[in-house]
Amino acid sequence: MKLTIPKNIYEQMIDHCRAGLPNEACGFLAGRAGAVERFIPLENAAASPVYYRPDDKQMIAAMREIDDGDLELSAIFHSHVASAPRPSVTDIREAHYPDSVYLIVSLVDLSNPEARGWLIQKEDWRDESGQVEEVELVLS
């Protein structure tokens, strides 16, 4: 599987992650058939450098925006401020959308952030482990 992201949306995502420092930042990417069309920044209500939780009201509004636009939740993104762009145990435990890409932006090197995407499949949404598969990210 691959996820195609327009360069301007990719840059908006990176800028949003940098602006969230010292905490993790988060948001959604919406689109159709593996092609991102919309960037939706969300506030990290957890206000934590090691955990993210999208603001509930913003998340509900974003899901309505996605539905109203006849789009799909292409990706759920968040930043890792001090680690590689790989899903942590917490990321896997909190993954509840098996059809969405979990996109992680590492800000370890602020001048050259690294983003990687992952599909996380679990037997049950409450599971703390699952199958993690990397998704090819294509900038267009």
C-alpha atoms as a PDB file:
ATOM      1  CA  MET A   1       0.000   0.000   0.000  1.00  0.00           C
ATOM      2  CA  LYS A   2       1.052   3.586  -0.560  1.00  0.00           C
ATOM      3  CA  LEU A   3      -0.226   6.986   0.512  1.00  0.00           C
ATOM      4  CA  THR A   4       0.200   9.940  -1.842  1.00  0.00           C
ATOM      5  CA  ILE A   5       0.514  13.336  -0.145  1.00  0.00           C
ATOM      6  CA  PRO A   6       0.744  16.670  -2.003  1.00  0.00           C
ATOM      7  CA  LYS A   7       3.958  18.483  -1.015  1.00  0.00           C
ATOM      8  CA  ASN A   8       2.074  21.537   0.275  1.00  0.00           C
ATOM      9  CA  ILE A   9      -0.028  19.369   2.636  1.00  0.00           C
ATOM     10  CA  TYR A  10       3.088  17.491   3.745  1.00  0.00           C
ATOM     11  CA  GLU A  11       4.767  20.823   4.585  1.00  0.00           C
ATOM     12  CA  GLN A  12       1.678  22.003   6.505  1.00  0.00           C
ATOM     13  CA  MET A  13       1.828  18.805   8.545  1.00  0.00           C
ATOM     14  CA  ILE A  14       5.547  19.245   9.293  1.00  0.00           C
ATOM     15  CA  ASP A  15       4.987  22.916  10.257  1.00  0.00           C
ATOM     16  CA  HIS A  16       2.109  21.926  12.568  1.00  0.00           C
ATOM     17  CA  CYS A  17       4.325  19.312  14.254  1.00  0.00           C
ATOM     18  CA  ARG A  18       7.147  21.824  14.771  1.00  0.00           C
ATOM     19  CA  ALA A  19       4.674  24.393  16.146  1.00  0.00           C
ATOM     20  CA  GLY A  20       3.496  21.837  18.715  1.00  0.00           C
ATOM     21  CA  LEU A  21       6.888  21.600  20.384  1.00  0.00           C
ATOM     22  CA  PRO A  22       7.800  20.830  23.099  1.00  0.00           C
ATOM     23  CA  ASN A  23       4.742  18.552  22.957  1.00  0.00           C
ATOM     24  CA  GLU A  24       3.578  16.053  20.387  1.00  0.00           C
ATOM     25  CA  ALA A  25       1.270  17.456  17.714  1.00  0.00           C
ATOM     26  CA  CYS A  26      -1.512  15.630  15.909  1.00  0.00           C
ATOM     27  CA  GLY A  27      -4.119  15.815  13.183  1.00  0.00           C
ATOM     28  CA  PHE A  28      -5.813  14.098  10.273  1.00  0.00           C
ATOM     29  CA  LEU A  29      -5.179  13.802   6.565  1.00  0.00           C
ATOM     30  CA  ALA A  30      -8.282  13.166   4.469  1.00  0.00           C
ATOM     31  CA  GLY A  31      -8.688  12.056   0.881  1.00  0.00           C
ATOM     32  CA  ARG A  32      -9.804   9.288  -1.428  1.00  0.00           C
ATOM     33  CA  ALA A  33      -8.289   6.030  -2.648  1.00  0.00           C
ATOM     34  CA  GLY A  34      -4.880   6.528  -1.013  1.00  0.00           C
ATOM     35  CA  ALA A  35      -4.491  10.155  -2.193  1.00  0.00           C
ATOM     36  CA  VAL A  36      -4.564  12.907   0.445  1.00  0.00           C
ATOM     37  CA  GLU A  37      -6.623  16.003  -0.364  1.00  0.00           C
ATOM     38  CA  ARG A  38      -7.029  17.785   2.952  1.00  0.00           C
ATOM     39  CA  PHE A  39      -4.920  18.662   6.008  1.00  0.00           C
ATOM     40  CA  ILE A  40      -6.817  18.927   9.309  1.00  0.00           C
ATOM     41  CA  PRO A  41      -4.691  20.069  12.270  1.00  0.00           C
ATOM     42  CA  LEU A  42      -5.916  19.142  15.736  1.00  0.00           C
ATOM     43  CA  GLU A  43      -4.893  20.287  19.186  1.00  0.00           C
ATOM     44  CA  ASN A  44      -3.126  17.760  21.401  1.00  0.00           C
ATOM     45  CA  ALA A  45      -5.432  17.896  24.424  1.00  0.00           C
ATOM     46  CA  ALA A  46      -2.915  15.800  26.394  1.00  0.00           C
ATOM     47  CA  ALA A  47      -0.320  18.603  26.053  1.00  0.00           C
ATOM     48  CA  SER A  48       2.431  16.010  26.464  1.00  0.00           C
ATOM     49  CA  PRO A  49       5.828  15.411  24.843  1.00  0.00           C
ATOM     50  CA  VAL A  50       5.251  11.629  24.950  1.00  0.00           C
ATOM     51  CA  TYR A  51       1.525  11.186  24.277  1.00  0.00           C
ATOM     52  CA  TYR A  52      -1.172  12.672  22.087  1.00  0.00           C
ATOM     53  CA  ARG A  53      -4.935  12.797  22.403  1.00  0.00           C
ATOM     54  CA  PRO A  54      -6.830  14.885  19.852  1.00  0.00           C
ATOM     55  CA  ASP A  55      -9.202  17.456  21.332  1.00  0.00           C
ATOM     56  CA  ASP A  56     -12.638  15.778  21.405  1.00  0.00           C
ATOM     57  CA  LYS A  57     -14.650  18.668  19.939  1.00  0.00           C
ATOM     58  CA  GLN A  58     -12.088  19.296  17.187  1.00  0.00           C
ATOM     59  CA  MET A  59     -11.967  15.594  16.373  1.00  0.00           C
ATOM     60  CA  ILE A  60     -15.763  15.345  16.058  1.00  0.00           C
ATOM     61  CA  ALA A  61     -15.822  18.460  13.840  1.00  0.00           C
ATOM     62  CA  ALA A  62     -13.014  17.001  11.707  1.00  0.00           C
ATOM     63  CA  MET A  63     -14.861  13.699  11.253  1.00  0.00           C
ATOM     64  CA  ARG A  64     -17.969  15.635  10.169  1.00  0.00           C
ATOM     65  CA  GLU A  65     -15.852  17.658   7.720  1.00  0.00           C
ATOM     66  CA  ILE A  66     -14.447  14.430   6.282  1.00  0.00           C
ATOM     67  CA  ASP A  67     -17.911  12.853   5.984  1.00  0.00           C
ATOM     68  CA  ASP A  68     -19.461  16.024   4.512  1.00  0.00           C
ATOM     69  CA  GLY A  69     -16.688  16.181   1.920  1.00  0.00           C
ATOM     70  CA  ASP A  70     -17.295  12.548   0.969  1.00  0.00           C
ATOM     71  CA  LEU A  71     -13.687  11.828   1.956  1.00  0.00           C
ATOM     72  CA  GLU A  72     -11.943   9.082   3.925  1.00  0.00           C
ATOM     73  CA  LEU A  73      -9.748   9.383   6.990  1.00  0.00           C
ATOM     74  CA  SER A  74      -6.567   8.685   5.034  1.00  0.00           C
ATOM     75  CA  ALA A  75      -4.122   9.162   7.902  1.00  0.00           C
ATOM     76  CA  ILE A  76      -3.911  10.014  11.565  1.00  0.00           C
ATOM     77  CA  PHE A  77      -0.644  11.832  12.151  1.00  0.00           C
ATOM     78  CA  HIS A  78       1.322  12.759  15.222  1.00  0.00           C
ATOM     79  CA  SER A  79       4.872  13.715  16.048  1.00  0.00           C
ATOM     80  CA  HIS A  80       7.546  12.044  18.100  1.00  0.00           C
ATOM     81  CA  VAL A  81       9.644  14.804  19.612  1.00  0.00           C
ATOM     82  CA  ALA A  82      12.591  12.657  20.690  1.00  0.00           C
ATOM     83  CA  SER A  83      12.301   9.289  18.950  1.00  0.00           C
ATOM     84  CA  ALA A  84      12.209   7.611  15.560  1.00  0.00           C
ATOM     85  CA  PRO A  85       9.039   7.638  13.409  1.00  0.00           C
ATOM     86  CA  ARG A  86       8.011   4.121  14.429  1.00  0.00           C
ATOM     87  CA  PRO A  87       4.881   3.197  16.388  1.00  0.00           C
ATOM     88  CA  SER A  88       5.472   2.968  20.112  1.00  0.00           C
ATOM     89  CA  VAL A  89       3.707   0.437  22.322  1.00  0.00           C
ATOM     90  CA  THR A  90       1.284   3.238  23.243  1.00  0.00           C
ATOM     91  CA  ASP A  91       0.690   4.082  19.575  1.00  0.00           C
ATOM     92  CA  ILE A  92      -0.183   0.452  18.858  1.00  0.00           C
ATOM     93  CA  ARG A  93      -2.415   0.150  21.921  1.00  0.00           C
ATOM     94  CA  GLU A  94      -4.275   3.362  20.969  1.00  0.00           C
ATOM     95  CA  ALA A  95      -4.683   2.454  17.265  1.00  0.00           C
ATOM     96  CA  HIS A  96      -8.422   2.079  16.659  1.00  0.00           C
ATOM     97  CA  TYR A  97      -8.720   2.812  12.913  1.00  0.00           C
ATOM     98  CA  PRO A  98      -7.381  -0.204  10.974  1.00  0.00           C
ATOM     99  CA  ASP A  99      -8.102   1.344   7.551  1.00  0.00           C
ATOM    100  CA  SER A 100      -6.205   4.572   8.259  1.00  0.00           C
ATOM    101  CA  VAL A 101      -2.479   5.085   7.976  1.00  0.00           C
ATOM    102  CA  TYR A 102      -0.760   6.074  11.207  1.00  0.00           C
ATOM    103  CA  LEU A 103       1.731   8.679  10.069  1.00  0.00           C
ATOM    104  CA  ILE A 104       4.503   9.555  12.519  1.00  0.00           C
ATOM    105  CA  VAL A 105       6.756  12.588  12.130  1.00  0.00           C
ATOM    106  CA  SER A 106      10.072  12.390  13.987  1.00  0.00           C
ATOM    107  CA  LEU A 107      11.413  15.765  15.111  1.00  0.00           C
ATOM    108  CA  VAL A 108      14.714  14.383  16.415  1.00  0.00           C
ATOM    109  CA  ASP A 109      16.442  16.394  13.647  1.00  0.00           C
ATOM    110  CA  LEU A 110      14.387  19.599  13.454  1.00  0.00           C
ATOM    111  CA  SER A 111      16.100  20.704  10.252  1.00  0.00           C
ATOM    112  CA  ASN A 112      15.211  17.415   8.553  1.00  0.00           C
ATOM    113  CA  PRO A 113      12.061  15.832  10.054  1.00  0.00           C
ATOM    114  CA  GLU A 114      11.375  12.255   8.990  1.00  0.00           C
ATOM    115  CA  ALA A 115       7.858  10.950   8.362  1.00  0.00           C
ATOM    116  CA  ARG A 116       6.848   7.321   7.977  1.00  0.00           C
ATOM    117  CA  GLY A 117       3.455   5.692   7.651  1.00  0.00           C
ATOM    118  CA  TRP A 118       2.116   2.489   9.176  1.00  0.00           C
ATOM    119  CA  LEU A 119      -0.935   0.273   9.025  1.00  0.00           C
ATOM    120  CA  ILE A 120      -1.744  -1.236  12.407  1.00  0.00           C
ATOM    121  CA  GLN A 121      -4.001  -4.287  12.412  1.00  0.00           C
ATOM    122  CA  LYS A 122      -5.247  -5.865  15.633  1.00  0.00           C
ATOM    123  CA  GLU A 123      -7.583  -8.755  16.455  1.00  0.00           C
ATOM    124  CA  ASP A 124      -9.490  -6.545  18.874  1.00  0.00           C
ATOM    125  CA  TRP A 125      -9.320  -2.759  19.296  1.00  0.00           C
ATOM    126  CA  ARG A 126      -8.379  -3.253  22.968  1.00  0.00           C
ATOM    127  CA  ASP A 127      -5.260  -5.281  22.076  1.00  0.00           C
ATOM    128  CA  GLU A 128      -1.903  -3.839  23.057  1.00  0.00           C
ATOM    129  CA  SER A 129      -0.102  -5.510  20.171  1.00  0.00           C
ATOM    130  CA  GLY A 130      -0.809  -6.129  16.547  1.00  0.00           C
ATOM    131  CA  GLN A 131       0.589  -6.459  13.072  1.00  0.00           C
ATOM    132  CA  VAL A 132       2.460  -3.324  11.982  1.00  0.00           C
ATOM    133  CA  GLU A 133       3.202  -2.827   8.282  1.00  0.00           C
ATOM    134  CA  GLU A 134       5.030   0.131   6.754  1.00  0.00           C
ATOM    135  CA  VAL A 135       3.191   2.139   4.088  1.00  0.00           C
ATOM    136  CA  GLU A 136       5.062   3.819   1.242  1.00  0.00           C
ATOM    137  CA  LEU A 137       4.691   7.613   1.372  1.00  0.00           C
ATOM    138  CA  VAL A 138       4.747   9.364  -2.001  1.00  0.00           C
ATOM    139  CA  LEU A 139       5.030  13.150  -2.186  1.00  0.00           C
ATOM    140  CA  SER A 140       3.388  14.673  -5.241  1.00  0.00           C
END
